[in-house]
All heavy atoms as atom14 arrays in JSON, in Angstrom:
{
  "sequence": "TEQPASKLCLALECGGSDGNSGVTANPALGVAADLLIAQGGAAVLGET",
  "atom14_mask": [
    [1, 1, 1, 1, 1, 1, 1, 0, 0, 0, 0, 0, 0, 0],
    [1, 1, 1, 1, 1, 1, 1, 1, 1, 0, 0, 0, 0, 0],
    [1, 1, 1, 1, 1, 1, 1, 1, 1, 0, 0, 0, 0, 0],
    [1, 1, 1, 1, 1, 1, 1, 0, 0, 0, 0, 0, 0, 0],
    [1, 1, 1, 1, 1, 0, 0, 0, 0, 0, 0, 0, 0, 0],
    [1, 1, 1, 1, 1, 1, 0, 0, 0, 0, 0, 0, 0, 0],
    [1, 1, 1, 1, 1, 1, 1, 1, 1, 0, 0, 0, 0, 0],
    [1, 1, 1, 1, 1, 1, 1, 1, 0, 0, 0, 0, 0, 0],
    [1, 1, 1, 1, 1, 1, 0, 0, 0, 0, 0, 0, 0, 0],
    [1, 1, 1, 1, 1, 1, 1, 1, 0, 0, 0, 0, 0, 0],
    [1, 1, 1, 1, 1, 0, 0, 0, 0, 0, 0, 0, 0, 0],
    [1, 1, 1, 1, 1, 1, 1, 1, 0, 0, 0, 0, 0, 0],
    [1, 1, 1, 1, 1, 1, 1, 1, 1, 0, 0, 0, 0, 0],
    [1, 1, 1, 1, 1, 1, 0, 0, 0, 0, 0, 0, 0, 0],
    [1, 1, 1, 1, 0, 0, 0, 0, 0, 0, 0, 0, 0, 0],
    [1, 1, 1, 1, 0, 0, 0, 0, 0, 0, 0, 0, 0, 0],
    [1, 1, 1, 1, 1, 1, 0, 0, 0, 0, 0, 0, 0, 0],
    [1, 1, 1, 1, 1, 1, 1, 1, 0, 0, 0, 0, 0, 0],
    [1, 1, 1, 1, 0, 0, 0, 0, 0, 0, 0, 0, 0, 0],
    [1, 1, 1, 1, 1, 1, 1, 1, 0, 0, 0, 0, 0, 0],
    [1, 1, 1, 1, 1, 1, 0, 0, 0, 0, 0, 0, 0, 0],
    [1, 1, 1, 1, 0, 0, 0, 0, 0, 0, 0, 0, 0, 0],
    [1, 1, 1, 1, 1, 1, 1, 0, 0, 0, 0, 0, 0, 0],
    [1, 1, 1, 1, 1, 1, 1, 0, 0, 0, 0, 0, 0, 0],
    [1, 1, 1, 1, 1, 0, 0, 0, 0, 0, 0, 0, 0, 0],
    [1, 1, 1, 1, 1, 1, 1, 1, 0, 0, 0, 0, 0, 0],
    [1, 1, 1, 1, 1, 1, 1, 0, 0, 0, 0, 0, 0, 0],
    [1, 1, 1, 1, 1, 0, 0, 0, 0, 0, 0, 0, 0, 0],
    [1, 1, 1, 1, 1, 1, 1, 1, 0, 0, 0, 0, 0, 0],
    [1, 1, 1, 1, 0, 0, 0, 0, 0, 0, 0, 0, 0, 0],
    [1, 1, 1, 1, 1, 1, 1, 0, 0, 0, 0, 0, 0, 0],
    [1, 1, 1, 1, 1, 0, 0, 0, 0, 0, 0, 0, 0, 0],
    [1, 1, 1, 1, 1, 0, 0, 0, 0, 0, 0, 0, 0, 0],
    [1, 1, 1, 1, 1, 1, 1, 1, 0, 0, 0, 0, 0, 0],
    [1, 1, 1, 1, 1, 1, 1, 1, 0, 0, 0, 0, 0, 0],
    [1, 1, 1, 1, 1, 1, 1, 1, 0, 0, 0, 0, 0, 0],
    [1, 1, 1, 1, 1, 1, 1, 1, 0, 0, 0, 0, 0, 0],
    [1, 1, 1, 1, 1, 0, 0, 0, 0, 0, 0, 0, 0, 0],
    [1, 1, 1, 1, 1, 1, 1, 1, 1, 0, 0, 0, 0, 0],
    [1, 1, 1, 1, 0, 0, 0, 0, 0, 0, 0, 0, 0, 0],
    [1, 1, 1, 1, 0, 0, 0, 0, 0, 0, 0, 0, 0, 0],
    [1, 1, 1, 1, 1, 0, 0, 0, 0, 0, 0, 0, 0, 0],
    [1, 1, 1, 1, 1, 0, 0, 0, 0, 0, 0, 0, 0, 0],
    [1, 1, 1, 1, 1, 1, 1, 0, 0, 0, 0, 0, 0, 0],
    [1, 1, 1, 1, 1, 1, 1, 1, 0, 0, 0, 0, 0, 0],
    [1, 1, 1, 1, 0, 0, 0, 0, 0, 0, 0, 0, 0, 0],
    [1, 1, 1, 1, 1, 1, 1, 1, 1, 0, 0, 0, 0, 0],
    [1, 1, 1, 1, 1, 1, 1, 0, 0, 0, 0, 0, 0, 0]
  ],
  "atom14_positions": [
    [[0.86, -1.18, 0.0], [0.0, 0.0, 0.0], [0.9, 1.24, 0.0], [2.1, 1.16, 0.3], [-0.92, 0.03, 1.24], [-0.11, -0.03, 2.43], [-1.89, -1.14, 1.22], [0.0, 0.0, 0.0], [0.0, 0.0, 0.0], [0.0, 0.0, 0.0], [0.0, 0.0, 0.0], [0.0, 0.0, 0.0], [0.0, 0.0, 0.0], [0.0, 0.0, 0.0]],
    [[0.32, 2.38, -0.32], [1.11, 3.61, -0.39], [1.54, 4.02, 1.03], [0.7, 4.13, 1.93], [0.28, 4.73, -1.02], [1.11, 5.76, -1.75], [1.79, 5.2, -2.98], [1.24, 4.29, -3.63], [2.89, 5.69, -3.31], [0.0, 0.0, 0.0], [0.0, 0.0, 0.0], [0.0, 0.0, 0.0], [0.0, 0.0, 0.0], [0.0, 0.0, 0.0]],
    [[2.86, 4.22, 1.18], [3.41, 4.53, 2.49], [4.35, 5.74, 2.4], [4.99, 5.95, 1.37], [4.19, 3.33, 3.04], [3.36, 2.09, 3.27], [2.31, 2.29, 4.33], [2.52, 3.02, 5.3], [1.15, 1.66, 4.15], [0.0, 0.0, 0.0], [0.0, 0.0, 0.0], [0.0, 0.0, 0.0], [0.0, 0.0, 0.0], [0.0, 0.0, 0.0]],
    [[4.45, 6.54, 3.45], [5.33, 7.72, 3.4], [6.8, 7.32, 3.43], [7.18, 6.31, 4.04], [4.95, 8.5, 4.66], [4.41, 7.47, 5.6], [3.71, 6.44, 4.73], [0.0, 0.0, 0.0], [0.0, 0.0, 0.0], [0.0, 0.0, 0.0], [0.0, 0.0, 0.0], [0.0, 0.0, 0.0], [0.0, 0.0, 0.0], [0.0, 0.0, 0.0]],
    [[7.64, 8.13, 2.8], [9.08, 7.86, 2.79], [9.66, 7.86, 4.2], [10.74, 7.3, 4.43], [9.79, 8.9, 1.92], [0.0, 0.0, 0.0], [0.0, 0.0, 0.0], [0.0, 0.0, 0.0], [0.0, 0.0, 0.0], [0.0, 0.0, 0.0], [0.0, 0.0, 0.0], [0.0, 0.0, 0.0], [0.0, 0.0, 0.0], [0.0, 0.0, 0.0]],
    [[8.96, 8.47, 5.14], [9.43, 8.48, 6.53], [9.52, 7.08, 7.12], [10.16, 6.89, 8.17], [8.51, 9.34, 7.39], [7.18, 8.83, 7.38], [0.0, 0.0, 0.0], [0.0, 0.0, 0.0], [0.0, 0.0, 0.0], [0.0, 0.0, 0.0], [0.0, 0.0, 0.0], [0.0, 0.0, 0.0], [0.0, 0.0, 0.0], [0.0, 0.0, 0.0]],
    [[8.91, 6.1, 6.49], [8.95, 4.72, 6.98], [10.21, 3.98, 6.52], [10.37, 2.79, 6.83], [7.71, 3.96, 6.52], [6.41, 4.46, 7.12], [6.36, 4.26, 8.62], [5.0, 4.63, 9.21], [4.96, 4.38, 10.67], [0.0, 0.0, 0.0], [0.0, 0.0, 0.0], [0.0, 0.0, 0.0], [0.0, 0.0, 0.0], [0.0, 0.0, 0.0]],
    [[11.09, 4.66, 5.79], [12.31, 4.01, 5.32], [13.44, 4.22, 6.32], [13.62, 5.29, 6.87], [12.72, 4.56, 3.95], [11.81, 4.19, 2.78], [12.32, 4.83, 1.5], [11.73, 2.68, 2.62], [0.0, 0.0, 0.0], [0.0, 0.0, 0.0], [0.0, 0.0, 0.0], [0.0, 0.0, 0.0], [0.0, 0.0, 0.0], [0.0, 0.0, 0.0]],
    [[14.2, 3.15, 6.52], [15.43, 3.18, 7.31], [16.54, 2.74, 6.37], [16.58, 1.58, 5.95], [15.33, 2.26, 8.52], [16.84, 2.22, 9.52], [0.0, 0.0, 0.0], [0.0, 0.0, 0.0], [0.0, 0.0, 0.0], [0.0, 0.0, 0.0], [0.0, 0.0, 0.0], [0.0, 0.0, 0.0], [0.0, 0.0, 0.0], [0.0, 0.0, 0.0]],
    [[17.44, 3.66, 6.03], [18.44, 3.45, 4.99], [19.79, 3.11, 5.6], [20.35, 3.89, 6.39], [18.56, 4.72, 4.14], [19.58, 4.73, 3.01], [19.2, 3.71, 1.94], [19.69, 6.13, 2.42], [0.0, 0.0, 0.0], [0.0, 0.0, 0.0], [0.0, 0.0, 0.0], [0.0, 0.0, 0.0], [0.0, 0.0, 0.0], [0.0, 0.0, 0.0]],
    [[20.33, 1.94, 5.24], [21.68, 1.56, 5.67], [22.69, 2.13, 4.68], [22.52, 2.0, 3.46], [21.81, 0.04, 5.73], [0.0, 0.0, 0.0], [0.0, 0.0, 0.0], [0.0, 0.0, 0.0], [0.0, 0.0, 0.0], [0.0, 0.0, 0.0], [0.0, 0.0, 0.0], [0.0, 0.0, 0.0], [0.0, 0.0, 0.0], [0.0, 0.0, 0.0]],
    [[23.75, 2.75, 5.2], [24.78, 3.4, 4.39], [26.07, 2.58, 4.48], [26.65, 2.45, 5.56], [25.04, 4.82, 4.91], [23.81, 5.7, 5.17], [24.21, 6.99, 5.87], [23.08, 6.0, 3.86], [0.0, 0.0, 0.0], [0.0, 0.0, 0.0], [0.0, 0.0, 0.0], [0.0, 0.0, 0.0], [0.0, 0.0, 0.0], [0.0, 0.0, 0.0]],
    [[26.52, 2.04, 3.37], [27.68, 1.14, 3.38], [28.58, 1.42, 2.19], [28.1, 1.78, 1.1], [27.21, -0.31, 3.36], [28.32, -1.34, 3.35], [29.04, -1.47, 4.69], [28.64, -0.79, 5.66], [30.0, -2.24, 4.77], [0.0, 0.0, 0.0], [0.0, 0.0, 0.0], [0.0, 0.0, 0.0], [0.0, 0.0, 0.0], [0.0, 0.0, 0.0]],
    [[29.89, 1.25, 2.39], [30.82, 1.28, 1.26], [31.8, 0.13, 1.41], [32.1, -0.3, 2.52], [31.55, 2.62, 1.16], [32.52, 3.09, 2.61], [0.0, 0.0, 0.0], [0.0, 0.0, 0.0], [0.0, 0.0, 0.0], [0.0, 0.0, 0.0], [0.0, 0.0, 0.0], [0.0, 0.0, 0.0], [0.0, 0.0, 0.0], [0.0, 0.0, 0.0]],
    [[32.29, -0.37, 0.29], [33.23, -1.47, 0.33], [33.95, -1.59, -1.0], [33.4, -1.21, -2.04], [0.0, 0.0, 0.0], [0.0, 0.0, 0.0], [0.0, 0.0, 0.0], [0.0, 0.0, 0.0], [0.0, 0.0, 0.0], [0.0, 0.0, 0.0], [0.0, 0.0, 0.0], [0.0, 0.0, 0.0], [0.0, 0.0, 0.0], [0.0, 0.0, 0.0]],
    [[35.16, -2.12, -0.98], [35.95, -2.13, -2.2], [36.11, -0.69, -2.69], [35.95, -0.39, -3.86], [0.0, 0.0, 0.0], [0.0, 0.0, 0.0], [0.0, 0.0, 0.0], [0.0, 0.0, 0.0], [0.0, 0.0, 0.0], [0.0, 0.0, 0.0], [0.0, 0.0, 0.0], [0.0, 0.0, 0.0], [0.0, 0.0, 0.0], [0.0, 0.0, 0.0]],
    [[36.44, 0.2, -1.73], [36.5, 1.63, -2.05], [37.75, 1.98, -2.84], [38.75, 1.27, -2.8], [36.45, 2.45, -0.76], [35.26, 2.2, -0.05], [0.0, 0.0, 0.0], [0.0, 0.0, 0.0], [0.0, 0.0, 0.0], [0.0, 0.0, 0.0], [0.0, 0.0, 0.0], [0.0, 0.0, 0.0], [0.0, 0.0, 0.0], [0.0, 0.0, 0.0]],
    [[37.68, 3.11, -3.54], [38.84, 3.63, -4.27], [38.97, 5.12, -4.01], [38.22, 5.7, -3.21], [38.73, 3.31, -5.76], [37.63, 4.1, -6.48], [36.86, 4.82, -5.81], [37.54, 3.98, -7.71], [0.0, 0.0, 0.0], [0.0, 0.0, 0.0], [0.0, 0.0, 0.0], [0.0, 0.0, 0.0], [0.0, 0.0, 0.0], [0.0, 0.0, 0.0]],
    [[39.93, 5.73, -4.69], [40.19, 7.15, -4.46], [39.08, 8.07, -4.87], [39.05, 9.24, -4.47], [0.0, 0.0, 0.0], [0.0, 0.0, 0.0], [0.0, 0.0, 0.0], [0.0, 0.0, 0.0], [0.0, 0.0, 0.0], [0.0, 0.0, 0.0], [0.0, 0.0, 0.0], [0.0, 0.0, 0.0], [0.0, 0.0, 0.0], [0.0, 0.0, 0.0]],
    [[38.14, 7.57, -5.67], [37.01, 8.39, -6.09], [35.76, 8.17, -5.24], [34.75, 8.85, -5.44], [36.68, 8.14, -7.56], [37.61, 8.9, -8.49], [37.89, 10.08, -8.27], [38.13, 8.23, -9.51], [0.0, 0.0, 0.0], [0.0, 0.0, 0.0], [0.0, 0.0, 0.0], [0.0, 0.0, 0.0], [0.0, 0.0, 0.0], [0.0, 0.0, 0.0]],
    [[35.81, 7.22, -4.29], [34.63, 6.95, -3.46], [34.17, 8.21, -2.73], [32.97, 8.51, -2.67], [34.95, 5.85, -2.44], [35.15, 4.61, -3.08], [0.0, 0.0, 0.0], [0.0, 0.0, 0.0], [0.0, 0.0, 0.0], [0.0, 0.0, 0.0], [0.0, 0.0, 0.0], [0.0, 0.0, 0.0], [0.0, 0.0, 0.0], [0.0, 0.0, 0.0]],
    [[35.12, 8.96, -2.17], [34.77, 10.17, -1.44], [34.53, 11.37, -2.32], [34.21, 12.46, -1.82], [0.0, 0.0, 0.0], [0.0, 0.0, 0.0], [0.0, 0.0, 0.0], [0.0, 0.0, 0.0], [0.0, 0.0, 0.0], [0.0, 0.0, 0.0], [0.0, 0.0, 0.0], [0.0, 0.0, 0.0], [0.0, 0.0, 0.0], [0.0, 0.0, 0.0]],
    [[34.68, 11.18, -3.64], [34.48, 12.26, -4.6], [33.12, 12.14, -5.29], [32.47, 13.14, -5.59], [35.61, 12.26, -5.66], [35.41, 13.38, -6.68], [36.96, 12.38, -4.99], [0.0, 0.0, 0.0], [0.0, 0.0, 0.0], [0.0, 0.0, 0.0], [0.0, 0.0, 0.0], [0.0, 0.0, 0.0], [0.0, 0.0, 0.0], [0.0, 0.0, 0.0]],
    [[32.68, 10.9, -5.52], [31.48, 10.67, -6.33], [30.37, 9.96, -5.56], [29.43, 10.59, -5.07], [31.84, 9.87, -7.59], [32.37, 8.57, -7.22], [32.88, 10.59, -8.44], [0.0, 0.0, 0.0], [0.0, 0.0, 0.0], [0.0, 0.0, 0.0], [0.0, 0.0, 0.0], [0.0, 0.0, 0.0], [0.0, 0.0, 0.0], [0.0, 0.0, 0.0]],
    [[30.47, 8.64, -5.42], [29.35, 7.85, -4.9], [29.01, 8.17, -3.45], [27.83, 8.27, -3.09], [29.65, 6.36, -5.05], [0.0, 0.0, 0.0], [0.0, 0.0, 0.0], [0.0, 0.0, 0.0], [0.0, 0.0, 0.0], [0.0, 0.0, 0.0], [0.0, 0.0, 0.0], [0.0, 0.0, 0.0], [0.0, 0.0, 0.0], [0.0, 0.0, 0.0]],
    [[30.02, 8.33, -2.6], [29.72, 8.57, -1.19], [29.03, 9.91, -0.94], [28.03, 9.98, -0.23], [30.99, 8.43, -0.34], [31.43, 6.98, -0.21], [30.72, 6.07, -0.62], [32.61, 6.77, 0.34], [0.0, 0.0, 0.0], [0.0, 0.0, 0.0], [0.0, 0.0, 0.0], [0.0, 0.0, 0.0], [0.0, 0.0, 0.0], [0.0, 0.0, 0.0]],
    [[29.54, 11.01, -1.5], [28.79, 12.27, -1.31], [27.41, 12.25, -1.96], [26.48, 12.88, -1.46], [29.7, 13.34, -1.91], [30.73, 12.62, -2.69], [30.85, 11.26, -2.11], [0.0, 0.0, 0.0], [0.0, 0.0, 0.0], [0.0, 0.0, 0.0], [0.0, 0.0, 0.0], [0.0, 0.0, 0.0], [0.0, 0.0, 0.0], [0.0, 0.0, 0.0]],
    [[27.26, 11.52, -3.08], [25.93, 11.4, -3.69], [24.99, 10.65, -2.76], [23.82, 11.03, -2.61], [26.03, 10.69, -5.04], [0.0, 0.0, 0.0], [0.0, 0.0, 0.0], [0.0, 0.0, 0.0], [0.0, 0.0, 0.0], [0.0, 0.0, 0.0], [0.0, 0.0, 0.0], [0.0, 0.0, 0.0], [0.0, 0.0, 0.0], [0.0, 0.0, 0.0]],
    [[25.5, 9.59, -2.11], [24.68, 8.87, -1.14], [24.36, 9.78, 0.05], [23.26, 9.72, 0.61], [25.4, 7.61, -0.67], [24.7, 6.78, 0.41], [23.26, 6.45, 0.04], [25.49, 5.5, 0.69], [0.0, 0.0, 0.0], [0.0, 0.0, 0.0], [0.0, 0.0, 0.0], [0.0, 0.0, 0.0], [0.0, 0.0, 0.0], [0.0, 0.0, 0.0]],
    [[25.31, 10.65, 0.42], [25.04, 11.61, 1.49], [23.89, 12.53, 1.14], [23.05, 12.86, 2.0], [0.0, 0.0, 0.0], [0.0, 0.0, 0.0], [0.0, 0.0, 0.0], [0.0, 0.0, 0.0], [0.0, 0.0, 0.0], [0.0, 0.0, 0.0], [0.0, 0.0, 0.0], [0.0, 0.0, 0.0], [0.0, 0.0, 0.0], [0.0, 0.0, 0.0]],
    [[23.8, 12.95, -0.12], [22.68, 13.78, -0.57], [21.37, 13.0, -0.43], [20.36, 13.51, 0.09], [22.88, 14.24, -2.03], [21.59, 14.86, -2.59], [24.03, 15.24, -2.12], [0.0, 0.0, 0.0], [0.0, 0.0, 0.0], [0.0, 0.0, 0.0], [0.0, 0.0, 0.0], [0.0, 0.0, 0.0], [0.0, 0.0, 0.0], [0.0, 0.0, 0.0]],
    [[21.37, 11.74, -0.9], [20.17, 10.91, -0.81], [19.75, 10.7, 0.64], [18.56, 10.74, 0.97], [20.41, 9.57, -1.51], [0.0, 0.0, 0.0], [0.0, 0.0, 0.0], [0.0, 0.0, 0.0], [0.0, 0.0, 0.0], [0.0, 0.0, 0.0], [0.0, 0.0, 0.0], [0.0, 0.0, 0.0], [0.0, 0.0, 0.0], [0.0, 0.0, 0.0]],
    [[20.74, 10.47, 1.53], [20.42, 10.28, 2.95], [19.8, 11.54, 3.54], [18.82, 11.48, 4.29], [21.69, 9.9, 3.71], [0.0, 0.0, 0.0], [0.0, 0.0, 0.0], [0.0, 0.0, 0.0], [0.0, 0.0, 0.0], [0.0, 0.0, 0.0], [0.0, 0.0, 0.0], [0.0, 0.0, 0.0], [0.0, 0.0, 0.0], [0.0, 0.0, 0.0]],
    [[20.36, 12.7, 3.2], [19.79, 13.97, 3.7], [18.36, 14.17, 3.19], [17.49, 14.65, 3.93], [20.66, 15.15, 3.25], [21.96, 15.26, 4.05], [22.03, 14.67, 5.14], [22.89, 15.94, 3.57], [0.0, 0.0, 0.0], [0.0, 0.0, 0.0], [0.0, 0.0, 0.0], [0.0, 0.0, 0.0], [0.0, 0.0, 0.0], [0.0, 0.0, 0.0]],
    [[18.12, 13.82, 1.93], [16.77, 13.96, 1.37], [15.78, 13.05, 2.11], [14.64, 13.46, 2.39], [16.78, 13.62, -0.12], [17.46, 14.65, -1.03], [17.64, 14.08, -2.44], [16.64, 15.94, -1.11], [0.0, 0.0, 0.0], [0.0, 0.0, 0.0], [0.0, 0.0, 0.0], [0.0, 0.0, 0.0], [0.0, 0.0, 0.0], [0.0, 0.0, 0.0]],
    [[16.21, 11.84, 2.43], [15.34, 10.92, 3.15], [15.08, 11.42, 4.57], [13.94, 11.39, 5.06], [15.96, 9.52, 3.19], [15.16, 8.47, 3.97], [13.78, 8.27, 3.36], [15.91, 7.15, 4.03], [0.0, 0.0, 0.0], [0.0, 0.0, 0.0], [0.0, 0.0, 0.0], [0.0, 0.0, 0.0], [0.0, 0.0, 0.0], [0.0, 0.0, 0.0]],
    [[16.11, 11.89, 5.25], [15.96, 12.39, 6.61], [15.02, 13.6, 6.62], [14.21, 13.77, 7.54], [17.33, 12.7, 7.21], [18.09, 11.39, 7.47], [17.2, 13.51, 8.5], [19.55, 11.57, 7.82], [0.0, 0.0, 0.0], [0.0, 0.0, 0.0], [0.0, 0.0, 0.0], [0.0, 0.0, 0.0], [0.0, 0.0, 0.0], [0.0, 0.0, 0.0]],
    [[15.11, 14.44, 5.59], [14.21, 15.6, 5.49], [12.75, 15.16, 5.33], [11.83, 15.91, 5.66], [14.62, 16.48, 4.31], [0.0, 0.0, 0.0], [0.0, 0.0, 0.0], [0.0, 0.0, 0.0], [0.0, 0.0, 0.0], [0.0, 0.0, 0.0], [0.0, 0.0, 0.0], [0.0, 0.0, 0.0], [0.0, 0.0, 0.0], [0.0, 0.0, 0.0]],
    [[12.54, 13.93, 4.84], [11.19, 13.37, 4.72], [10.71, 12.73, 6.03], [9.6, 12.23, 6.1], [11.16, 12.31, 3.61], [11.38, 12.85, 2.21], [10.12, 13.46, 1.63], [9.0, 13.05, 1.95], [10.28, 14.48, 0.78], [0.0, 0.0, 0.0], [0.0, 0.0, 0.0], [0.0, 0.0, 0.0], [0.0, 0.0, 0.0], [0.0, 0.0, 0.0]],
    [[11.59, 12.71, 7.04], [11.24, 12.08, 8.31], [11.75, 10.68, 8.44], [11.4, 9.97, 9.41], [0.0, 0.0, 0.0], [0.0, 0.0, 0.0], [0.0, 0.0, 0.0], [0.0, 0.0, 0.0], [0.0, 0.0, 0.0], [0.0, 0.0, 0.0], [0.0, 0.0, 0.0], [0.0, 0.0, 0.0], [0.0, 0.0, 0.0], [0.0, 0.0, 0.0]],
    [[12.58, 10.22, 7.49], [13.13, 8.88, 7.54], [14.4, 8.81, 8.36], [14.86, 9.8, 8.96], [0.0, 0.0, 0.0], [0.0, 0.0, 0.0], [0.0, 0.0, 0.0], [0.0, 0.0, 0.0], [0.0, 0.0, 0.0], [0.0, 0.0, 0.0], [0.0, 0.0, 0.0], [0.0, 0.0, 0.0], [0.0, 0.0, 0.0], [0.0, 0.0, 0.0]],
    [[15.0, 7.62, 8.38], [16.23, 7.39, 9.14], [17.33, 6.88, 8.23], [17.06, 6.21, 7.22], [15.98, 6.38, 10.27], [0.0, 0.0, 0.0], [0.0, 0.0, 0.0], [0.0, 0.0, 0.0], [0.0, 0.0, 0.0], [0.0, 0.0, 0.0], [0.0, 0.0, 0.0], [0.0, 0.0, 0.0], [0.0, 0.0, 0.0], [0.0, 0.0, 0.0]],
    [[18.56, 7.19, 8.58], [19.73, 6.64, 7.9], [20.71, 6.2, 8.96], [20.86, 6.87, 10.0], [20.37, 7.69, 6.98], [0.0, 0.0, 0.0], [0.0, 0.0, 0.0], [0.0, 0.0, 0.0], [0.0, 0.0, 0.0], [0.0, 0.0, 0.0], [0.0, 0.0, 0.0], [0.0, 0.0, 0.0], [0.0, 0.0, 0.0], [0.0, 0.0, 0.0]],
    [[21.38, 5.07, 8.74], [22.3, 4.54, 9.75], [23.63, 4.19, 9.1], [23.69, 3.48, 8.1], [21.68, 3.32, 10.49], [21.23, 2.24, 9.53], [22.65, 2.76, 11.52], [0.0, 0.0, 0.0], [0.0, 0.0, 0.0], [0.0, 0.0, 0.0], [0.0, 0.0, 0.0], [0.0, 0.0, 0.0], [0.0, 0.0, 0.0], [0.0, 0.0, 0.0]],
    [[24.68, 4.74, 9.67], [26.06, 4.55, 9.22], [26.76, 3.62, 10.19], [26.51, 3.66, 11.4], [26.77, 5.9, 9.18], [28.24, 5.96, 8.79], [28.41, 5.65, 7.3], [28.82, 7.34, 9.12], [0.0, 0.0, 0.0], [0.0, 0.0, 0.0], [0.0, 0.0, 0.0], [0.0, 0.0, 0.0], [0.0, 0.0, 0.0], [0.0, 0.0, 0.0]],
    [[27.66, 2.77, 9.71], [28.42, 1.88, 10.56], [29.91, 1.98, 10.27], [30.41, 3.01, 9.85], [0.0, 0.0, 0.0], [0.0, 0.0, 0.0], [0.0, 0.0, 0.0], [0.0, 0.0, 0.0], [0.0, 0.0, 0.0], [0.0, 0.0, 0.0], [0.0, 0.0, 0.0], [0.0, 0.0, 0.0], [0.0, 0.0, 0.0], [0.0, 0.0, 0.0]],
    [[30.64, 0.88, 10.53], [32.07, 0.77, 10.23], [32.91, 1.7, 11.1], [33.57, 2.61, 10.62], [32.36, 1.02, 8.75], [31.64, 0.07, 7.81], [32.0, 0.3, 6.36], [31.62, 1.36, 5.82], [32.66, -0.56, 5.77], [0.0, 0.0, 0.0], [0.0, 0.0, 0.0], [0.0, 0.0, 0.0], [0.0, 0.0, 0.0], [0.0, 0.0, 0.0]],
    [[32.9, 1.46, 12.4], [33.64, 2.31, 13.33], [35.12, 2.38, 12.97], [35.74, 3.45, 13.06], [33.5, 1.79, 14.77], [32.12, 1.47, 15.02], [33.96, 2.82, 15.78], [0.0, 0.0, 0.0], [0.0, 0.0, 0.0], [0.0, 0.0, 0.0], [0.0, 0.0, 0.0], [0.0, 0.0, 0.0], [0.0, 0.0, 0.0], [0.0, 0.0, 0.0]]
  ]
}
């Protein structure tokens, strides 16, 4: 059924990273995470 984006909990993960990870995909995922959080959703980062 139709549900609000606030019901999403997004796991943020990277692996097999390279020198462009912090230039392209990771900051793009950061934008997506911020957009979801602005909708009332959650994002969770790991890898201490």
